[in-house]
PDB file of N, CA and C in Angstrom:
ATOM      1  N   UNK A   1       0.852  -1.184   0.000  1.00  0.00           N
ATOM      2  CA  UNK A   1       0.000   0.000   0.000  1.00  0.00           C
ATOM      3  C   UNK A   1       0.889   1.236   0.000  1.00  0.00           C
ATOM      4  N   UNK A   2       0.339   2.301  -0.518  1.00  0.00           N
ATOM      5  CA  UNK A   2       1.086   3.557  -0.613  1.00  0.00           C
ATOM      6  C   UNK A   2       1.188   4.194   0.777  1.00  0.00           C
ATOM      7  N   UNK A   3       2.315   4.848   1.024  1.00  0.00           N
ATOM      8  CA  UNK A   3       2.550   5.463   2.329  1.00  0.00           C
ATOM      9  C   UNK A   3       1.542   6.583   2.589  1.00  0.00           C
ATOM     10  N   UNK A   4       1.239   6.781   3.840  1.00  0.00           N
ATOM     11  CA  UNK A   4       0.276   7.805   4.240  1.00  0.00           C
ATOM     12  C   UNK A   4       0.758   9.197   3.856  1.00  0.00           C
ATOM     13  N   UNK A   5       2.058   9.459   4.005  1.00  0.00           N
ATOM     14  CA  UNK A   5       2.561  10.797   3.682  1.00  0.00           C
ATOM     15  C   UNK A   5       2.506  11.058   2.176  1.00  0.00           C
ATOM     16  N   UNK A   6       2.665  10.021   1.369  1.00  0.00           N
ATOM     17  CA  UNK A   6       2.551  10.195  -0.086  1.00  0.00           C
ATOM     18  C   UNK A   6       1.098  10.479  -0.469  1.00  0.00           C
ATOM     19  N   UNK A   7       0.180   9.784   0.155  1.00  0.00           N
ATOM     20  CA  UNK A   7      -1.239  10.017  -0.095  1.00  0.00           C
ATOM     21  C   UNK A   7      -1.638  11.428   0.348  1.00  0.00           C
ATOM     22  N   UNK A   8      -1.095  11.867   1.461  1.00  0.00           N
ATOM     23  CA  UNK A   8      -1.369  13.226   1.943  1.00  0.00           C
ATOM     24  C   UNK A   8      -0.834  14.257   0.949  1.00  0.00           C
ATOM     25  N   UNK A   9       0.315  13.968   0.364  1.00  0.00           N
ATOM     26  CA  UNK A   9       0.899  14.889  -0.621  1.00  0.00           C
ATOM     27  C   UNK A   9       0.027  14.954  -1.888  1.00  0.00           C
ATOM     28  N   UNK A  10      -0.506  13.817  -2.310  1.00  0.00           N
ATOM     29  CA  UNK A  10      -1.417  13.805  -3.463  1.00  0.00           C
ATOM     30  C   UNK A  10      -2.614  14.704  -3.171  1.00  0.00           C
ATOM     31  N   UNK A  11      -3.179  14.563  -1.984  1.00  0.00           N
ATOM     32  CA  UNK A  11      -4.336  15.378  -1.596  1.00  0.00           C
ATOM     33  C   UNK A  11      -3.970  16.854  -1.493  1.00  0.00           C
ATOM     34  N   UNK A  12      -2.769  17.128  -1.004  1.00  0.00           N
ATOM     35  CA  UNK A  12      -2.306  18.511  -0.891  1.00  0.00           C
ATOM     36  C   UNK A  12      -2.172  19.140  -2.279  1.00  0.00           C
ATOM     37  N   UNK A  13      -1.605  18.397  -3.221  1.00  0.00           N
ATOM     38  CA  UNK A  13      -1.462  18.909  -4.582  1.00  0.00           C
ATOM     39  C   UNK A  13      -2.826  19.122  -5.237  1.00  0.00           C
ATOM     40  N   UNK A  14      -3.777  18.255  -4.938  1.00  0.00           N
ATOM     41  CA  UNK A  14      -5.126  18.422  -5.480  1.00  0.00           C
ATOM     42  C   UNK A  14      -5.767  19.698  -4.939  1.00  0.00           C
ATOM     43  N   UNK A  15      -5.562  19.963  -3.669  1.00  0.00           N
ATOM     44  CA  UNK A  15      -6.106  21.178  -3.066  1.00  0.00           C
ATOM     45  C   UNK A  15      -5.457  22.420  -3.676  1.00  0.00           C
ATOM     46  N   UNK A  16      -4.144  22.367  -3.866  1.00  0.00           N
ATOM     47  CA  UNK A  16      -3.427  23.490  -4.467  1.00  0.00           C
ATOM     48  C   UNK A  16      -3.929  23.731  -5.889  1.00  0.00           C
ATOM     49  N   UNK A  17      -4.171  22.641  -6.624  1.00  0.00           N
ATOM     50  CA  UNK A  17      -4.622  22.756  -8.015  1.00  0.00           C
ATOM     51  C   UNK A  17      -5.983  23.445  -8.100  1.00  0.00           C
ATOM     52  N   UNK A  18      -6.800  23.297  -7.071  1.00  0.00           N
ATOM     53  CA  UNK A  18      -8.102  23.968  -7.061  1.00  0.00           C
ATOM     54  C   UNK A  18      -7.956  25.468  -6.815  1.00  0.00           C
ATOM     55  N   UNK A  19      -6.893  25.840  -6.094  1.00  0.00           N
ATOM     56  CA  UNK A  19      -6.691  27.244  -5.741  1.00  0.00           C
ATOM     57  C   UNK A  19      -5.933  28.014  -6.815  1.00  0.00           C
ATOM     58  N   UNK A  20      -4.965  27.359  -7.456  1.00  0.00           N
ATOM     59  CA  UNK A  20      -4.136  28.010  -8.465  1.00  0.00           C
ATOM     60  C   UNK A  20      -3.588  26.951  -9.418  1.00  0.00           C
ATOM     61  N   UNK A  21      -2.951  27.409 -10.463  1.00  0.00           N
ATOM     62  CA  UNK A  21      -2.350  26.478 -11.425  1.00  0.00           C
ATOM     63  C   UNK A  21      -1.059  25.920 -10.839  1.00  0.00           C
ATOM     64  N   UNK A  22      -0.831  24.634 -11.022  1.00  0.00           N
ATOM     65  CA  UNK A  22       0.370  23.999 -10.503  1.00  0.00           C
ATOM     66  C   UNK A  22       1.579  24.351 -11.358  1.00  0.00           C
ATOM     67  N   UNK A  23       2.737  24.421 -10.699  1.00  0.00           N
ATOM     68  CA  UNK A  23       3.984  24.653 -11.420  1.00  0.00           C
ATOM     69  C   UNK A  23       4.371  23.374 -12.167  1.00  0.00           C
ATOM     70  N   UNK A  24       5.268  23.473 -13.140  1.00  0.00           N
ATOM     71  CA  UNK A  24       5.700  22.263 -13.859  1.00  0.00           C
ATOM     72  C   UNK A  24       6.287  21.198 -12.930  1.00  0.00           C
ATOM     73  N   UNK A  25       7.001  21.625 -11.891  1.00  0.00           N
ATOM     74  CA  UNK A  25       7.573  20.673 -10.935  1.00  0.00           C
ATOM     75  C   UNK A  25       6.471  19.958 -10.156  1.00  0.00           C
ATOM     76  N   UNK A  26       5.454  20.720  -9.744  1.00  0.00           N
ATOM     77  CA  UNK A  26       4.333  20.135  -9.012  1.00  0.00           C
ATOM     78  C   UNK A  26       3.533  19.181  -9.900  1.00  0.00           C
ATOM     79  N   UNK A  27       3.373  19.551 -11.171  1.00  0.00           N
ATOM     80  CA  UNK A  27       2.669  18.670 -12.099  1.00  0.00           C
ATOM     81  C   UNK A  27       3.411  17.346 -12.271  1.00  0.00           C
ATOM     82  N   UNK A  28       4.734  17.425 -12.400  1.00  0.00           N
ATOM     83  CA  UNK A  28       5.539  16.218 -12.554  1.00  0.00           C
ATOM     84  C   UNK A  28       5.455  15.354 -11.300  1.00  0.00           C
ATOM     85  N   UNK A  29       5.533  15.995 -10.129  1.00  0.00           N
ATOM     86  CA  UNK A  29       5.436  15.262  -8.861  1.00  0.00           C
ATOM     87  C   UNK A  29       4.069  14.594  -8.732  1.00  0.00           C
ATOM     88  N   UNK A  30       3.019  15.313  -9.092  1.00  0.00           N
ATOM     89  CA  UNK A  30       1.659  14.766  -9.028  1.00  0.00           C
ATOM     90  C   UNK A  30       1.516  13.555  -9.942  1.00  0.00           C
ATOM     91  N   UNK A  31       2.068  13.643 -11.140  1.00  0.00           N
ATOM     92  CA  UNK A  31       1.984  12.529 -12.072  1.00  0.00           C
ATOM     93  C   UNK A  31       2.691  11.288 -11.536  1.00  0.00           C
ATOM     94  N   UNK A  32       3.866  11.471 -10.946  1.00  0.00           N
ATOM     95  CA  UNK A  32       4.607  10.342 -10.374  1.00  0.00           C
ATOM     96  C   UNK A  32       3.830   9.718  -9.223  1.00  0.00           C
ATOM     97  N   UNK A  33       3.303  10.567  -8.335  1.00  0.00           N
ATOM     98  CA  UNK A  33       2.550  10.068  -7.182  1.00  0.00           C
ATOM     99  C   UNK A  33       1.281   9.350  -7.613  1.00  0.00           C
ATOM    100  N   UNK A  34       0.607   9.880  -8.631  1.00  0.00           N
ATOM    101  CA  UNK A  34      -0.609   9.226  -9.124  1.00  0.00           C
ATOM    102  C   UNK A  34      -0.290   7.853  -9.708  1.00  0.00           C
ATOM    103  N   UNK A  35       0.816   7.765 -10.456  1.00  0.00           N
ATOM    104  CA  UNK A  35       1.208   6.480 -11.038  1.00  0.00           C
ATOM    105  C   UNK A  35       1.519   5.460  -9.942  1.00  0.00           C
ATOM    106  N   UNK A  36       2.225   5.906  -8.889  1.00  0.00           N
ATOM    107  CA  UNK A  36       2.518   5.024  -7.759  1.00  0.00           C
ATOM    108  C   UNK A  36       1.223   4.549  -7.098  1.00  0.00           C
ATOM    109  N   UNK A  37       0.291   5.487  -6.875  1.00  0.00           N
ATOM    110  CA  UNK A  37      -0.974   5.156  -6.238  1.00  0.00           C
ATOM    111  C   UNK A  37      -1.754   4.139  -7.070  1.00  0.00           C
ATOM    112  N   UNK A  38      -1.842   4.382  -8.375  1.00  0.00           N
ATOM    113  CA  UNK A  38      -2.584   3.472  -9.246  1.00  0.00           C
ATOM    114  C   UNK A  38      -1.940   2.090  -9.298  1.00  0.00           C
ATOM    115  N   UNK A  39      -0.611   2.038  -9.304  1.00  0.00           N
ATOM    116  CA  UNK A  39       0.080   0.748  -9.316  1.00  0.00           C
ATOM    117  C   UNK A  39      -0.221  -0.026  -8.035  1.00  0.00           C
ATOM    118  N   UNK A  40      -0.200   0.658  -6.897  1.00  0.00           N
ATOM    119  CA  UNK A  40      -0.502   0.011  -5.621  1.00  0.00           C
ATOM    120  C   UNK A  40      -1.966  -0.440  -5.580  1.00  0.00           C
ATOM    121  N   UNK A  41      -2.864   0.396  -6.075  1.00  0.00           N
ATOM    122  CA  UNK A  41      -4.284   0.048  -6.100  1.00  0.00           C
ATOM    123  C   UNK A  41      -4.517  -1.191  -6.960  1.00  0.00           C
ATOM    124  N   UNK A  42      -3.925  -1.206  -8.140  1.00  0.00           N
ATOM    125  CA  UNK A  42      -4.095  -2.348  -9.045  1.00  0.00           C
ATOM    126  C   UNK A  42      -3.529  -3.625  -8.441  1.00  0.00           C
ATOM    127  N   UNK A  43      -2.376  -3.519  -7.788  1.00  0.00           N
ATOM    128  CA  UNK A  43      -1.770  -4.697  -7.168  1.00  0.00           C
ATOM    129  C   UNK A  43      -2.670  -5.253  -6.066  1.00  0.00           C
ATOM    130  N   UNK A  44      -3.211  -4.377  -5.231  1.00  0.00           N
ATOM    131  CA  UNK A  44      -4.105  -4.821  -4.155  1.00  0.00           C
ATOM    132  C   UNK A  44      -5.395  -5.415  -4.707  1.00  0.00           C
ATOM    133  N   UNK A  45      -5.928  -4.805  -5.745  1.00  0.00           N
ATOM    134  CA  UNK A  45      -7.154  -5.300  -6.342  1.00  0.00           C
ATOM    135  C   UNK A  45      -6.925  -6.676  -6.977  1.00  0.00           C
ATOM    136  N   UNK A  46      -5.772  -6.839  -7.625  1.00  0.00           N
ATOM    137  CA  UNK A  46      -5.431  -8.130  -8.231  1.00  0.00           C
ATOM    138  C   UNK A  46      -5.313  -9.214  -7.154  1.00  0.00           C
ATOM    139  N   UNK A  47      -4.712  -8.877  -6.018  1.00  0.00           N
ATOM    140  CA  UNK A  47      -4.621  -9.836  -4.918  1.00  0.00           C
ATOM    141  C   UNK A  47      -6.009 -10.258  -4.449  1.00  0.00           C
ATOM    142  N   UNK A  48      -6.913  -9.296  -4.347  1.00  0.00           N
ATOM    143  CA  UNK A  48      -8.282  -9.618  -3.930  1.00  0.00           C
ATOM    144  C   UNK A  48      -8.945 -10.549  -4.931  1.00  0.00           C
ATOM    145  N   UNK A  49      -8.778 -10.247  -6.209  1.00  0.00           N
ATOM    146  CA  UNK A  49      -9.385 -11.092  -7.236  1.00  0.00           C
ATOM    147  C   UNK A  49      -8.766 -12.488  -7.264  1.00  0.00           C
ATOM    148  N   UNK A  50      -7.466 -12.579  -7.018  1.00  0.00           N
ATOM    149  CA  UNK A  50      -6.797 -13.875  -7.005  1.00  0.00           C
ATOM    150  C   UNK A  50      -7.269 -14.744  -5.844  1.00  0.00           C
ATOM    151  N   UNK A  51      -7.741 -14.121  -4.766  1.00  0.00           N
ATOM    152  CA  UNK A  51      -8.190 -14.880  -3.598  1.00  0.00           C
ATOM    153  C   UNK A  51      -9.641 -15.321  -3.705  1.00  0.00           C
ATOM    154  N   UNK A  52     -10.331 -14.872  -4.732  1.00  0.00           N
ATOM    155  CA  UNK A  52     -11.730 -15.273  -4.909  1.00  0.00           C
ATOM    156  C   UNK A  52     -11.777 -16.686  -5.496  1.00  0.00           C
ATOM    157  N   UNK A  53     -12.595 -17.490  -4.882  1.00  0.00           N
ATOM    158  CA  UNK A  53     -12.760 -18.857  -5.365  1.00  0.00           C
ATOM    159  C   UNK A  53     -14.222 -19.048  -5.754  1.00  0.00           C
ATOM    160  N   UNK A  54     -14.435 -19.440  -6.991  1.00  0.00           N
ATOM    161  CA  UNK A  54     -15.788 -19.642  -7.497  1.00  0.00           C
ATOM    162  C   UNK A  54     -16.169 -21.104  -7.277  1.00  0.00           C
ATOM    163  N   UNK A  55     -17.316 -21.308  -6.634  1.00  0.00           N
ATOM    164  CA  UNK A  55     -17.798 -22.652  -6.342  1.00  0.00           C
ATOM    165  C   UNK A  55     -19.132 -22.829  -7.047  1.00  0.00           C
ATOM    166  N   UNK A  56     -19.239 -23.938  -7.776  1.00  0.00           N
ATOM    167  CA  UNK A  56     -20.491 -24.254  -8.457  1.00  0.00           C
ATOM    168  C   UNK A  56     -21.408 -25.053  -7.581  1.00  0.00           C
TER     169      UNK A  56
END
C-alpha cells in the first residue's frame, strides 16, 4: 500500500490545483505520485481477485 505521507501529498497537490495552477515541478510530482498510487491500487485489487474462489 502507498505510504500515508505520499497520499497526503497527493491530496495537498489536489487542493493546491483547485486554488491556483500547478507549477511544472508540481505537475511532474503529481503525475509520479498518481502512477505510484494506481500501481498500488491495481496490485491490491489483483490480490483480492486472485483470492476469490468460485464454487459451483
